[in-house]
Amino acid sequence: MSETGIADSVERADRLSKVIALLFALGVYYLIFLATDEVRFSMIIAAVSAIGVRFYIPYHASVQLTDTDEGGIHDHPATGDYNHGAVAVACFLGPALAVALLLVSSDTAVALYGGIGFSVVTYLIFRRILDPA
């Protein structure tokens, strides 16, 4: 695939990810609110999870469309020097743990700090495992 074709596909995936992330956030908020009856906690979990969607969809498109010789998202000057896939995984797994902790402990502070800590550890592990795209 040509370089402009890859760029167009990744940009199209980026635009699409905005809509998907919004719908995902609404769904996650609703489900977490039903499970926990915590409005602010549900909003935080939904927002972080939607950020994970925003990172994952362009990352996935870049990994699927990019040859190893051509480079990917990490070669684009507007993106940061970090692994986008690892951020996406951390933004999914951290909130999942936070919800589990809240359901077990009923303390939102413990749940949020546990989720944040787990997200950081998850990012540090997955940045070594996943392709930088």
C-alpha atoms as a PDB file:
ATOM      1  CA  MET A   1       0.000   0.000   0.000  1.00  0.00           C
ATOM      2  CA  SER A   2       1.328   3.433  -0.819  1.00  0.00           C
ATOM      3  CA  GLU A   3       2.377   5.849   1.878  1.00  0.00           C
ATOM      4  CA  THR A   4      -0.511   8.230   1.137  1.00  0.00           C
ATOM      5  CA  GLY A   5      -2.944   5.290   1.223  1.00  0.00           C
ATOM      6  CA  ILE A   6      -1.691   4.312   4.667  1.00  0.00           C
ATOM      7  CA  ALA A   7      -1.927   7.891   5.898  1.00  0.00           C
ATOM      8  CA  ASP A   8      -5.479   8.197   4.546  1.00  0.00           C
ATOM      9  CA  SER A   9      -6.518   4.914   6.147  1.00  0.00           C
ATOM     10  CA  VAL A  10      -5.076   5.852   9.527  1.00  0.00           C
ATOM     11  CA  GLU A  11      -6.703   9.300   9.335  1.00  0.00           C
ATOM     12  CA  ARG A  12     -10.034   7.690   8.449  1.00  0.00           C
ATOM     13  CA  ALA A  13      -9.641   5.320  11.412  1.00  0.00           C
ATOM     14  CA  ASP A  14      -8.825   8.309  13.621  1.00  0.00           C
ATOM     15  CA  ARG A  15     -12.003  10.127  12.561  1.00  0.00           C
ATOM     16  CA  LEU A  16     -14.079   7.004  13.039  1.00  0.00           C
ATOM     17  CA  SER A  17     -12.567   6.405  16.471  1.00  0.00           C
ATOM     18  CA  LYS A  18     -14.036   9.695  17.713  1.00  0.00           C
ATOM     19  CA  VAL A  19     -17.584   8.505  17.086  1.00  0.00           C
ATOM     20  CA  ILE A  20     -16.929   5.008  18.390  1.00  0.00           C
ATOM     21  CA  ALA A  21     -15.256   6.372  21.533  1.00  0.00           C
ATOM     22  CA  LEU A  22     -18.223   8.624  22.259  1.00  0.00           C
ATOM     23  CA  LEU A  23     -20.702   5.764  21.913  1.00  0.00           C
ATOM     24  CA  PHE A  24     -18.426   3.491  23.924  1.00  0.00           C
ATOM     25  CA  ALA A  25     -18.207   6.078  26.723  1.00  0.00           C
ATOM     26  CA  LEU A  26     -21.987   6.366  26.875  1.00  0.00           C
ATOM     27  CA  GLY A  27     -22.401   2.597  27.068  1.00  0.00           C
ATOM     28  CA  VAL A  28     -19.664   2.141  29.666  1.00  0.00           C
ATOM     29  CA  TYR A  29     -21.070   4.970  31.781  1.00  0.00           C
ATOM     30  CA  TYR A  30     -24.518   3.429  31.748  1.00  0.00           C
ATOM     31  CA  LEU A  31     -23.304  -0.076  32.637  1.00  0.00           C
ATOM     32  CA  ILE A  32     -20.938   1.052  35.394  1.00  0.00           C
ATOM     33  CA  PHE A  33     -23.569   3.365  36.854  1.00  0.00           C
ATOM     34  CA  LEU A  34     -26.058   0.482  36.968  1.00  0.00           C
ATOM     35  CA  ALA A  35     -23.478  -1.728  38.689  1.00  0.00           C
ATOM     36  CA  THR A  36     -22.115   0.811  41.201  1.00  0.00           C
ATOM     37  CA  ASP A  37     -24.669   3.644  41.528  1.00  0.00           C
ATOM     38  CA  GLU A  38     -21.697   6.084  41.558  1.00  0.00           C
ATOM     39  CA  VAL A  39     -22.102   8.960  39.090  1.00  0.00           C
ATOM     40  CA  ARG A  40     -18.615  10.522  39.256  1.00  0.00           C
ATOM     41  CA  PHE A  41     -16.829   7.183  39.354  1.00  0.00           C
ATOM     42  CA  SER A  42     -18.801   6.018  36.313  1.00  0.00           C
ATOM     43  CA  MET A  43     -17.905   9.208  34.425  1.00  0.00           C
ATOM     44  CA  ILE A  44     -14.197   8.776  35.148  1.00  0.00           C
ATOM     45  CA  ILE A  45     -14.204   5.127  34.090  1.00  0.00           C
ATOM     46  CA  ALA A  46     -16.168   5.922  30.921  1.00  0.00           C
ATOM     47  CA  ALA A  47     -13.822   8.791  29.997  1.00  0.00           C
ATOM     48  CA  VAL A  48     -10.623   6.786  30.482  1.00  0.00           C
ATOM     49  CA  SER A  49     -12.067   3.811  28.610  1.00  0.00           C
ATOM     50  CA  ALA A  50     -13.075   6.076  25.710  1.00  0.00           C
ATOM     51  CA  ILE A  51      -9.538   7.449  25.617  1.00  0.00           C
ATOM     52  CA  GLY A  52      -8.385   3.848  25.238  1.00  0.00           C
ATOM     53  CA  VAL A  53     -10.694   3.445  22.242  1.00  0.00           C
ATOM     54  CA  ARG A  54      -9.334   6.661  20.715  1.00  0.00           C
ATOM     55  CA  PHE A  55      -5.798   5.329  21.015  1.00  0.00           C
ATOM     56  CA  TYR A  56      -6.536   1.752  19.970  1.00  0.00           C
ATOM     57  CA  ILE A  57      -8.397   2.213  16.671  1.00  0.00           C
ATOM     58  CA  PRO A  58      -5.704   4.312  14.883  1.00  0.00           C
ATOM     59  CA  TYR A  59      -3.005   2.108  16.460  1.00  0.00           C
ATOM     60  CA  HIS A  60      -4.703  -1.023  15.136  1.00  0.00           C
ATOM     61  CA  ALA A  61      -5.117   0.523  11.677  1.00  0.00           C
ATOM     62  CA  SER A  62      -1.464   1.511  11.646  1.00  0.00           C
ATOM     63  CA  VAL A  63      -0.299  -1.958  12.693  1.00  0.00           C
ATOM     64  CA  GLN A  64      -2.518  -3.676  10.115  1.00  0.00           C
ATOM     65  CA  LEU A  65      -1.608  -1.393   7.211  1.00  0.00           C
ATOM     66  CA  THR A  66       2.043  -0.635   7.790  1.00  0.00           C
ATOM     67  CA  ASP A  67       4.918  -2.678   6.466  1.00  0.00           C
ATOM     68  CA  THR A  68       7.949  -2.878   8.718  1.00  0.00           C
ATOM     69  CA  ASP A  69       9.991  -0.827   6.228  1.00  0.00           C
ATOM     70  CA  GLU A  70       7.529   2.063   5.950  1.00  0.00           C
ATOM     71  CA  GLY A  71       7.113   3.034   9.614  1.00  0.00           C
ATOM     72  CA  GLY A  72       3.853   3.801  11.337  1.00  0.00           C
ATOM     73  CA  ILE A  73       2.164   6.094  13.831  1.00  0.00           C
ATOM     74  CA  HIS A  74       5.337   6.548  15.856  1.00  0.00           C
ATOM     75  CA  ASP A  75       7.103   8.008  12.795  1.00  0.00           C
ATOM     76  CA  HIS A  76       4.519  10.761  12.378  1.00  0.00           C
ATOM     77  CA  PRO A  77       5.859  14.083  13.737  1.00  0.00           C
ATOM     78  CA  ALA A  78       2.543  15.009  15.422  1.00  0.00           C
ATOM     79  CA  THR A  79       2.425  11.909  17.636  1.00  0.00           C
ATOM     80  CA  GLY A  80       4.337  11.525  20.855  1.00  0.00           C
ATOM     81  CA  ASP A  81       7.219   9.195  21.499  1.00  0.00           C
ATOM     82  CA  TYR A  82       5.270   6.455  23.280  1.00  0.00           C
ATOM     83  CA  ASN A  83       3.557   3.206  22.409  1.00  0.00           C
ATOM     84  CA  HIS A  84      -0.045   3.982  21.466  1.00  0.00           C
ATOM     85  CA  GLY A  85      -1.119   0.360  21.808  1.00  0.00           C
ATOM     86  CA  ALA A  86       0.242   0.173  25.353  1.00  0.00           C
ATOM     87  CA  VAL A  87      -1.695   3.319  26.277  1.00  0.00           C
ATOM     88  CA  ALA A  88      -4.869   1.765  24.865  1.00  0.00           C
ATOM     89  CA  VAL A  89      -4.392  -1.461  26.838  1.00  0.00           C
ATOM     90  CA  ALA A  90      -3.676   0.501  30.023  1.00  0.00           C
ATOM     91  CA  CYS A  91      -6.807   2.604  29.468  1.00  0.00           C
ATOM     92  CA  PHE A  92      -8.887  -0.578  29.240  1.00  0.00           C
ATOM     93  CA  LEU A  93      -7.384  -2.695  32.005  1.00  0.00           C
ATOM     94  CA  GLY A  94      -6.937   0.035  34.635  1.00  0.00           C
ATOM     95  CA  PRO A  95     -10.607   1.045  34.647  1.00  0.00           C
ATOM     96  CA  ALA A  96     -11.661  -2.623  34.634  1.00  0.00           C
ATOM     97  CA  LEU A  97      -9.626  -3.210  37.788  1.00  0.00           C
ATOM     98  CA  ALA A  98     -10.997  -0.012  39.334  1.00  0.00           C
ATOM     99  CA  VAL A  99     -14.561  -1.239  38.800  1.00  0.00           C
ATOM    100  CA  ALA A 100     -13.699  -4.618  40.309  1.00  0.00           C
ATOM    101  CA  LEU A 101     -12.081  -2.923  43.308  1.00  0.00           C
ATOM    102  CA  LEU A 102     -15.107  -0.694  43.836  1.00  0.00           C
ATOM    103  CA  LEU A 103     -17.465  -3.653  43.716  1.00  0.00           C
ATOM    104  CA  VAL A 104     -15.323  -5.464  46.300  1.00  0.00           C
ATOM    105  CA  SER A 105     -14.337  -2.592  48.615  1.00  0.00           C
ATOM    106  CA  SER A 106     -17.058   0.086  48.106  1.00  0.00           C
ATOM    107  CA  ASP A 107     -14.374   2.777  48.458  1.00  0.00           C
ATOM    108  CA  THR A 108     -14.030   4.950  45.354  1.00  0.00           C
ATOM    109  CA  ALA A 109     -10.627   6.341  46.359  1.00  0.00           C
ATOM    110  CA  VAL A 110      -9.133   2.868  46.769  1.00  0.00           C
ATOM    111  CA  ALA A 111     -10.693   1.786  43.477  1.00  0.00           C
ATOM    112  CA  LEU A 112      -9.434   4.809  41.522  1.00  0.00           C
ATOM    113  CA  TYR A 113      -5.907   4.724  42.969  1.00  0.00           C
ATOM    114  CA  GLY A 114      -5.721   0.983  42.366  1.00  0.00           C
ATOM    115  CA  GLY A 115      -6.859   1.474  38.779  1.00  0.00           C
ATOM    116  CA  ILE A 116      -4.349   4.268  38.197  1.00  0.00           C
ATOM    117  CA  GLY A 117      -1.490   2.211  39.633  1.00  0.00           C
ATOM    118  CA  PHE A 118      -2.467  -0.800  37.574  1.00  0.00           C
ATOM    119  CA  SER A 119      -2.697   1.361  34.440  1.00  0.00           C
ATOM    120  CA  VAL A 120       0.847   2.620  34.955  1.00  0.00           C
ATOM    121  CA  VAL A 121       2.217  -0.891  35.492  1.00  0.00           C
ATOM    122  CA  THR A 122       0.246  -2.174  32.507  1.00  0.00           C
ATOM    123  CA  TYR A 123       1.642   0.560  30.264  1.00  0.00           C
ATOM    124  CA  LEU A 124       5.208  -0.163  31.377  1.00  0.00           C
ATOM    125  CA  ILE A 125       4.791  -3.866  30.609  1.00  0.00           C
ATOM    126  CA  PHE A 126       2.931  -3.534  27.300  1.00  0.00           C
ATOM    127  CA  ARG A 127       5.187  -0.869  25.830  1.00  0.00           C
ATOM    128  CA  ARG A 128       7.844  -3.593  25.645  1.00  0.00           C
ATOM    129  CA  ILE A 129       5.483  -6.280  24.316  1.00  0.00           C
ATOM    130  CA  LEU A 130       3.451  -4.486  21.618  1.00  0.00           C
ATOM    131  CA  ASP A 131       4.763  -3.230  18.295  1.00  0.00           C
ATOM    132  CA  PRO A 132       5.273   0.537  18.339  1.00  0.00           C
ATOM    133  CA  ALA A 133       3.229   0.773  15.116  1.00  0.00           C
END
